[in-house]
């Protein structure tokens, strides 16, 4: 039966790639596909404070600046 094959494929996808399934569920709810991920890491408190102030004063988005710095370090355009 074709619907059983679909269910088998869906189960396989959710097991092999749960993030894909979560993205599809988010899309179903919001009608948007998120391509960003949240990271959690520790940095020096003083540097974090200075960077936050710097970005606020320049009206920069902190995440965008960190993402650009990461791309620059990896040689991405």
PDB file of N, CA and C in Angstrom:
ATOM      1  N   UNK A   1       0.840  -1.183   0.000  1.00  0.00           N
ATOM      2  CA  UNK A   1       0.000   0.000   0.000  1.00  0.00           C
ATOM      3  C   UNK A   1       0.888   1.249   0.000  1.00  0.00           C
ATOM      4  N   UNK A   2       0.664   2.206  -0.903  1.00  0.00           N
ATOM      5  CA  UNK A   2       1.529   3.382  -1.009  1.00  0.00           C
ATOM      6  C   UNK A   2       1.622   4.203   0.269  1.00  0.00           C
ATOM      7  N   UNK A   3       0.532   4.341   1.032  1.00  0.00           N
ATOM      8  CA  UNK A   3       0.593   5.159   2.239  1.00  0.00           C
ATOM      9  C   UNK A   3       1.514   4.538   3.283  1.00  0.00           C
ATOM     10  N   UNK A   4       1.604   3.213   3.324  1.00  0.00           N
ATOM     11  CA  UNK A   4       2.530   2.557   4.242  1.00  0.00           C
ATOM     12  C   UNK A   4       3.975   2.873   3.865  1.00  0.00           C
ATOM     13  N   UNK A   5       4.255   2.909   2.573  1.00  0.00           N
ATOM     14  CA  UNK A   5       5.608   3.238   2.120  1.00  0.00           C
ATOM     15  C   UNK A   5       5.955   4.665   2.526  1.00  0.00           C
ATOM     16  N   UNK A   6       4.985   5.577   2.387  1.00  0.00           N
ATOM     17  CA  UNK A   6       5.211   6.962   2.795  1.00  0.00           C
ATOM     18  C   UNK A   6       5.514   7.041   4.282  1.00  0.00           C
ATOM     19  N   UNK A   7       4.744   6.333   5.091  1.00  0.00           N
ATOM     20  CA  UNK A   7       4.968   6.339   6.535  1.00  0.00           C
ATOM     21  C   UNK A   7       6.333   5.765   6.892  1.00  0.00           C
ATOM     22  N   UNK A   8       6.732   4.716   6.176  1.00  0.00           N
ATOM     23  CA  UNK A   8       8.057   4.133   6.419  1.00  0.00           C
ATOM     24  C   UNK A   8       9.157   5.137   6.103  1.00  0.00           C
ATOM     25  N   UNK A   9       9.001   5.854   4.996  1.00  0.00           N
ATOM     26  CA  UNK A   9       9.991   6.864   4.612  1.00  0.00           C
ATOM     27  C   UNK A   9      10.013   7.995   5.646  1.00  0.00           C
ATOM     28  N   UNK A  10       8.827   8.427   6.091  1.00  0.00           N
ATOM     29  CA  UNK A  10       8.748   9.498   7.082  1.00  0.00           C
ATOM     30  C   UNK A  10       9.419   9.076   8.388  1.00  0.00           C
ATOM     31  N   UNK A  11       9.188   7.866   8.831  1.00  0.00           N
ATOM     32  CA  UNK A  11       9.823   7.369  10.058  1.00  0.00           C
ATOM     33  C   UNK A  11      11.332   7.311   9.898  1.00  0.00           C
ATOM     34  N   UNK A  12      11.778   6.875   8.732  1.00  0.00           N
ATOM     35  CA  UNK A  12      13.210   6.786   8.454  1.00  0.00           C
ATOM     36  C   UNK A  12      13.858   8.173   8.498  1.00  0.00           C
ATOM     37  N   UNK A  13      13.192   9.158   7.900  1.00  0.00           N
ATOM     38  CA  UNK A  13      13.719  10.529   7.892  1.00  0.00           C
ATOM     39  C   UNK A  13      13.816  11.071   9.306  1.00  0.00           C
ATOM     40  N   UNK A  14      12.782  10.854  10.115  1.00  0.00           N
ATOM     41  CA  UNK A  14      12.799  11.393  11.472  1.00  0.00           C
ATOM     42  C   UNK A  14      13.880  10.747  12.326  1.00  0.00           C
ATOM     43  N   UNK A  15      14.203   9.496  12.036  1.00  0.00           N
ATOM     44  CA  UNK A  15      15.256   8.827  12.802  1.00  0.00           C
ATOM     45  C   UNK A  15      16.644   9.235  12.331  1.00  0.00           C
ATOM     46  N   UNK A  16      16.825   9.350  11.017  1.00  0.00           N
ATOM     47  CA  UNK A  16      18.146   9.677  10.481  1.00  0.00           C
ATOM     48  C   UNK A  16      18.490  11.152  10.598  1.00  0.00           C
ATOM     49  N   UNK A  17      17.469  12.010  10.516  1.00  0.00           N
ATOM     50  CA  UNK A  17      17.724  13.446  10.528  1.00  0.00           C
ATOM     51  C   UNK A  17      16.625  14.163  11.308  1.00  0.00           C
ATOM     52  N   UNK A  18      16.671  14.083  12.637  1.00  0.00           N
ATOM     53  CA  UNK A  18      15.619  14.730  13.428  1.00  0.00           C
ATOM     54  C   UNK A  18      15.552  16.240  13.230  1.00  0.00           C
ATOM     55  N   UNK A  19      16.687  16.877  12.911  1.00  0.00           N
ATOM     56  CA  UNK A  19      16.681  18.324  12.691  1.00  0.00           C
ATOM     57  C   UNK A  19      15.837  18.683  11.475  1.00  0.00           C
ATOM     58  N   UNK A  20      15.885  17.867  10.431  1.00  0.00           N
ATOM     59  CA  UNK A  20      15.061  18.101   9.251  1.00  0.00           C
ATOM     60  C   UNK A  20      13.591  18.027   9.623  1.00  0.00           C
ATOM     61  N   UNK A  21      13.226  17.033  10.415  1.00  0.00           N
ATOM     62  CA  UNK A  21      11.848  16.889  10.855  1.00  0.00           C
ATOM     63  C   UNK A  21      11.408  18.097  11.674  1.00  0.00           C
ATOM     64  N   UNK A  22      12.263  18.559  12.585  1.00  0.00           N
ATOM     65  CA  UNK A  22      11.939  19.735  13.387  1.00  0.00           C
ATOM     66  C   UNK A  22      11.753  20.971  12.501  1.00  0.00           C
ATOM     67  N   UNK A  23      12.596  21.100  11.484  1.00  0.00           N
ATOM     68  CA  UNK A  23      12.474  22.226  10.556  1.00  0.00           C
ATOM     69  C   UNK A  23      11.140  22.178   9.828  1.00  0.00           C
ATOM     70  N   UNK A  24      10.748  20.987   9.404  1.00  0.00           N
ATOM     71  CA  UNK A  24       9.457  20.836   8.721  1.00  0.00           C
ATOM     72  C   UNK A  24       8.294  21.144   9.662  1.00  0.00           C
ATOM     73  N   UNK A  25       8.408  20.727  10.905  1.00  0.00           N
ATOM     74  CA  UNK A  25       7.352  21.019  11.882  1.00  0.00           C
ATOM     75  C   UNK A  25       7.272  22.527  12.143  1.00  0.00           C
ATOM     76  N   UNK A  26       8.425  23.179  12.261  1.00  0.00           N
ATOM     77  CA  UNK A  26       8.442  24.635  12.437  1.00  0.00           C
ATOM     78  C   UNK A  26       7.814  25.326  11.237  1.00  0.00           C
ATOM     79  N   UNK A  27       8.140  24.838  10.037  1.00  0.00           N
ATOM     80  CA  UNK A  27       7.558  25.421   8.822  1.00  0.00           C
ATOM     81  C   UNK A  27       6.041  25.279   8.829  1.00  0.00           C
ATOM     82  N   UNK A  28       5.575  24.131   9.252  1.00  0.00           N
ATOM     83  CA  UNK A  28       4.123  23.899   9.309  1.00  0.00           C
ATOM     84  C   UNK A  28       3.446  24.913  10.229  1.00  0.00           C
ATOM     85  N   UNK A  29       4.126  25.254  11.324  1.00  0.00           N
ATOM     86  CA  UNK A  29       3.549  26.200  12.291  1.00  0.00           C
ATOM     87  C   UNK A  29       3.699  27.650  11.847  1.00  0.00           C
ATOM     88  N   UNK A  30       4.883  28.008  11.338  1.00  0.00           N
ATOM     89  CA  UNK A  30       5.195  29.421  11.084  1.00  0.00           C
ATOM     90  C   UNK A  30       5.197  29.814   9.616  1.00  0.00           C
ATOM     91  N   UNK A  31       5.224  28.834   8.732  1.00  0.00           N
ATOM     92  CA  UNK A  31       5.334  29.066   7.276  1.00  0.00           C
ATOM     93  C   UNK A  31       6.657  29.729   6.914  1.00  0.00           C
ATOM     94  N   UNK A  32       7.662  29.569   7.776  1.00  0.00           N
ATOM     95  CA  UNK A  32       9.013  30.078   7.525  1.00  0.00           C
ATOM     96  C   UNK A  32      10.014  28.953   7.769  1.00  0.00           C
ATOM     97  N   UNK A  33      11.070  28.925   6.980  1.00  0.00           N
ATOM     98  CA  UNK A  33      12.147  27.962   7.206  1.00  0.00           C
ATOM     99  C   UNK A  33      13.310  28.707   7.829  1.00  0.00           C
ATOM    100  N   UNK A  34      13.685  28.281   9.020  1.00  0.00           N
ATOM    101  CA  UNK A  34      14.799  28.912   9.723  1.00  0.00           C
ATOM    102  C   UNK A  34      16.093  28.239   9.290  1.00  0.00           C
ATOM    103  N   UNK A  35      17.044  29.050   8.921  1.00  0.00           N
ATOM    104  CA  UNK A  35      18.334  28.509   8.493  1.00  0.00           C
ATOM    105  C   UNK A  35      19.430  28.825   9.498  1.00  0.00           C
ATOM    106  N   UNK A  36      19.060  29.369  10.621  1.00  0.00           N
ATOM    107  CA  UNK A  36      20.023  29.726  11.659  1.00  0.00           C
ATOM    108  C   UNK A  36      19.942  28.728  12.800  1.00  0.00           C
ATOM    109  N   UNK A  37      21.006  28.662  13.579  1.00  0.00           N
ATOM    110  CA  UNK A  37      21.028  27.815  14.760  1.00  0.00           C
ATOM    111  C   UNK A  37      21.540  28.623  15.942  1.00  0.00           C
ATOM    112  N   UNK A  38      21.104  28.246  17.106  1.00  0.00           N
ATOM    113  CA  UNK A  38      21.542  28.933  18.322  1.00  0.00           C
ATOM    114  C   UNK A  38      22.775  28.213  18.863  1.00  0.00           C
ATOM    115  N   UNK A  39      23.791  28.995  19.225  1.00  0.00           N
ATOM    116  CA  UNK A  39      25.007  28.447  19.811  1.00  0.00           C
ATOM    117  C   UNK A  39      25.142  28.935  21.251  1.00  0.00           C
ATOM    118  N   UNK A  40      25.801  28.148  22.042  1.00  0.00           N
ATOM    119  CA  UNK A  40      26.037  28.521  23.433  1.00  0.00           C
ATOM    120  C   UNK A  40      27.516  28.285  23.723  1.00  0.00           C
ATOM    121  N   UNK A  41      28.240  29.358  24.017  1.00  0.00           N
ATOM    122  CA  UNK A  41      29.660  29.231  24.325  1.00  0.00           C
ATOM    123  C   UNK A  41      30.046  30.285  25.347  1.00  0.00           C
ATOM    124  N   UNK A  42      31.212  30.131  25.919  1.00  0.00           N
ATOM    125  CA  UNK A  42      31.677  31.007  26.984  1.00  0.00           C
ATOM    126  C   UNK A  42      32.831  31.870  26.485  1.00  0.00           C
ATOM    127  N   UNK A  43      32.718  33.177  26.758  1.00  0.00           N
ATOM    128  CA  UNK A  43      33.807  34.101  26.425  1.00  0.00           C
ATOM    129  C   UNK A  43      34.047  35.012  27.626  1.00  0.00           C
ATOM    130  N   UNK A  44      35.165  35.708  27.598  1.00  0.00           N
ATOM    131  CA  UNK A  44      35.532  36.630  28.672  1.00  0.00           C
ATOM    132  C   UNK A  44      34.416  37.658  28.890  1.00  0.00           C
ATOM    133  N   UNK A  45      34.045  37.861  30.129  1.00  0.00           N
ATOM    134  CA  UNK A  45      32.960  38.763  30.486  1.00  0.00           C
ATOM    135  C   UNK A  45      33.218  40.193  30.015  1.00  0.00           C
ATOM    136  N   UNK A  46      34.465  40.664  30.162  1.00  0.00           N
ATOM    137  CA  UNK A  46      34.817  42.012  29.752  1.00  0.00           C
ATOM    138  C   UNK A  46      34.701  42.183  28.235  1.00  0.00           C
ATOM    139  N   UNK A  47      35.176  41.203  27.506  1.00  0.00           N
ATOM    140  CA  UNK A  47      35.086  41.271  26.042  1.00  0.00           C
ATOM    141  C   UNK A  47      33.627  41.264  25.600  1.00  0.00           C
ATOM    142  N   UNK A  48      32.828  40.399  26.214  1.00  0.00           N
ATOM    143  CA  UNK A  48      31.403  40.333  25.872  1.00  0.00           C
ATOM    144  C   UNK A  48      30.720  41.674  26.122  1.00  0.00           C
ATOM    145  N   UNK A  49      31.015  42.284  27.253  1.00  0.00           N
ATOM    146  CA  UNK A  49      30.416  43.571  27.601  1.00  0.00           C
ATOM    147  C   UNK A  49      30.839  44.663  26.627  1.00  0.00           C
ATOM    148  N   UNK A  50      32.120  44.697  26.311  1.00  0.00           N
ATOM    149  CA  UNK A  50      32.634  45.706  25.370  1.00  0.00           C
ATOM    150  C   UNK A  50      32.047  45.515  23.977  1.00  0.00           C
ATOM    151  N   UNK A  51      31.945  44.243  23.543  1.00  0.00           N
ATOM    152  CA  UNK A  51      31.405  43.955  22.219  1.00  0.00           C
ATOM    153  C   UNK A  51      29.928  44.338  22.150  1.00  0.00           C
ATOM    154  N   UNK A  52      29.187  44.036  23.190  1.00  0.00           N
ATOM    155  CA  UNK A  52      27.772  44.390  23.239  1.00  0.00           C
ATOM    156  C   UNK A  52      27.594  45.903  23.156  1.00  0.00           C
ATOM    157  N   UNK A  53      28.402  46.650  23.916  1.00  0.00           N
ATOM    158  CA  UNK A  53      28.340  48.113  23.892  1.00  0.00           C
ATOM    159  C   UNK A  53      28.730  48.646  22.512  1.00  0.00           C
ATOM    160  N   UNK A  54      29.800  48.098  21.949  1.00  0.00           N
ATOM    161  CA  UNK A  54      30.264  48.502  20.615  1.00  0.00           C
ATOM    162  C   UNK A  54      29.151  48.321  19.577  1.00  0.00           C
ATOM    163  N   UNK A  55      28.521  47.160  19.588  1.00  0.00           N
ATOM    164  CA  UNK A  55      27.460  46.872  18.616  1.00  0.00           C
ATOM    165  C   UNK A  55      26.252  47.788  18.823  1.00  0.00           C
ATOM    166  N   UNK A  56      25.910  48.027  20.067  1.00  0.00           N
ATOM    167  CA  UNK A  56      24.780  48.911  20.368  1.00  0.00           C
ATOM    168  C   UNK A  56      25.060  50.321  19.848  1.00  0.00           C
ATOM    169  N   UNK A  57      26.267  50.831  20.098  1.00  0.00           N
ATOM    170  CA  UNK A  57      26.626  52.182  19.661  1.00  0.00           C
ATOM    171  C   UNK A  57      26.645  52.319  18.145  1.00  0.00           C
ATOM    172  N   UNK A  58      27.042  51.271  17.455  1.00  0.00           N
ATOM    173  CA  UNK A  58      27.124  51.298  15.992  1.00  0.00           C
ATOM    174  C   UNK A  58      25.846  50.795  15.323  1.00  0.00           C
ATOM    175  N   UNK A  59      24.873  50.384  16.139  1.00  0.00           N
ATOM    176  CA  UNK A  59      23.616  49.785  15.637  1.00  0.00           C
ATOM    177  C   UNK A  59      23.887  48.527  14.819  1.00  0.00           C
ATOM    178  N   UNK A  60      24.857  47.734  15.268  1.00  0.00           N
ATOM    179  CA  UNK A  60      25.175  46.458  14.626  1.00  0.00           C
ATOM    180  C   UNK A  60      24.400  45.337  15.295  1.00  0.00           C
ATOM    181  N   UNK A  61      24.083  44.337  14.524  1.00  0.00           N
ATOM    182  CA  UNK A  61      23.506  43.113  15.059  1.00  0.00           C
ATOM    183  C   UNK A  61      24.663  42.230  15.512  1.00  0.00           C
ATOM    184  N   UNK A  62      24.701  41.890  16.790  1.00  0.00           N
ATOM    185  CA  UNK A  62      25.821  41.117  17.338  1.00  0.00           C
ATOM    186  C   UNK A  62      25.987  39.779  16.617  1.00  0.00           C
ATOM    187  N   UNK A  63      24.890  39.089  16.403  1.00  0.00           N
ATOM    188  CA  UNK A  63      24.960  37.773  15.756  1.00  0.00           C
ATOM    189  C   UNK A  63      25.539  37.877  14.347  1.00  0.00           C
ATOM    190  N   UNK A  64      25.109  38.908  13.623  1.00  0.00           N
ATOM    191  CA  UNK A  64      25.610  39.092  12.258  1.00  0.00           C
ATOM    192  C   UNK A  64      27.109  39.362  12.245  1.00  0.00           C
ATOM    193  N   UNK A  65      27.571  40.163  13.200  1.00  0.00           N
ATOM    194  CA  UNK A  65      29.002  40.473  13.270  1.00  0.00           C
ATOM    195  C   UNK A  65      29.817  39.227  13.628  1.00  0.00           C
ATOM    196  N   UNK A  66      29.320  38.428  14.552  1.00  0.00           N
ATOM    197  CA  UNK A  66      30.029  37.196  14.921  1.00  0.00           C
ATOM    198  C   UNK A  66      30.022  36.221  13.751  1.00  0.00           C
ATOM    199  N   UNK A  67      28.887  36.104  13.081  1.00  0.00           N
ATOM    200  CA  UNK A  67      28.801  35.223  11.914  1.00  0.00           C
ATOM    201  C   UNK A  67      29.781  35.656  10.828  1.00  0.00           C
ATOM    202  N   UNK A  68      29.872  36.964  10.576  1.00  0.00           N
ATOM    203  CA  UNK A  68      30.800  37.465   9.561  1.00  0.00           C
ATOM    204  C   UNK A  68      32.243  37.188   9.961  1.00  0.00           C
ATOM    205  N   UNK A  69      32.564  37.371  11.241  1.00  0.00           N
ATOM    206  CA  UNK A  69      33.926  37.086  11.706  1.00  0.00           C
ATOM    207  C   UNK A  69      34.262  35.603  11.527  1.00  0.00           C
ATOM    208  N   UNK A  70      33.299  34.737  11.778  1.00  0.00           N
ATOM    209  CA  UNK A  70      33.520  33.299  11.594  1.00  0.00           C
ATOM    210  C   UNK A  70      33.775  32.986  10.117  1.00  0.00           C
ATOM    211  N   UNK A  71      32.983  33.583   9.241  1.00  0.00           N
ATOM    212  CA  UNK A  71      33.162  33.374   7.792  1.00  0.00           C
ATOM    213  C   UNK A  71      34.527  33.875   7.352  1.00  0.00           C
ATOM    214  N   UNK A  72      34.924  35.048   7.854  1.00  0.00           N
ATOM    215  CA  UNK A  72      36.231  35.605   7.498  1.00  0.00           C
ATOM    216  C   UNK A  72      37.361  34.672   7.939  1.00  0.00           C
ATOM    217  N   UNK A  73      37.235  34.125   9.139  1.00  0.00           N
ATOM    218  CA  UNK A  73      38.271  33.211   9.653  1.00  0.00           C
ATOM    219  C   UNK A  73      38.372  31.935   8.814  1.00  0.00           C
ATOM    220  N   UNK A  74      37.232  31.500   8.260  1.00  0.00           N
ATOM    221  CA  UNK A  74      37.216  30.270   7.460  1.00  0.00           C
ATOM    222  C   UNK A  74      37.472  30.539   5.975  1.00  0.00           C
ATOM    223  N   UNK A  75      37.591  31.824   5.612  1.00  0.00           N
ATOM    224  CA  UNK A  75      37.875  32.164   4.221  1.00  0.00           C
ATOM    225  C   UNK A  75      36.632  32.155   3.346  1.00  0.00           C
ATOM    226  N   UNK A  76      35.441  32.176   3.958  1.00  0.00           N
ATOM    227  CA  UNK A  76      34.192  32.235   3.194  1.00  0.00           C
ATOM    228  C   UNK A  76      33.934  33.665   2.743  1.00  0.00           C
ATOM    229  N   UNK A  77      33.155  33.788   1.717  1.00  0.00           N
ATOM    230  CA  UNK A  77      32.813  35.117   1.200  1.00  0.00           C
ATOM    231  C   UNK A  77      31.530  35.595   1.825  1.00  0.00           C
TER     232      UNK A  77
END
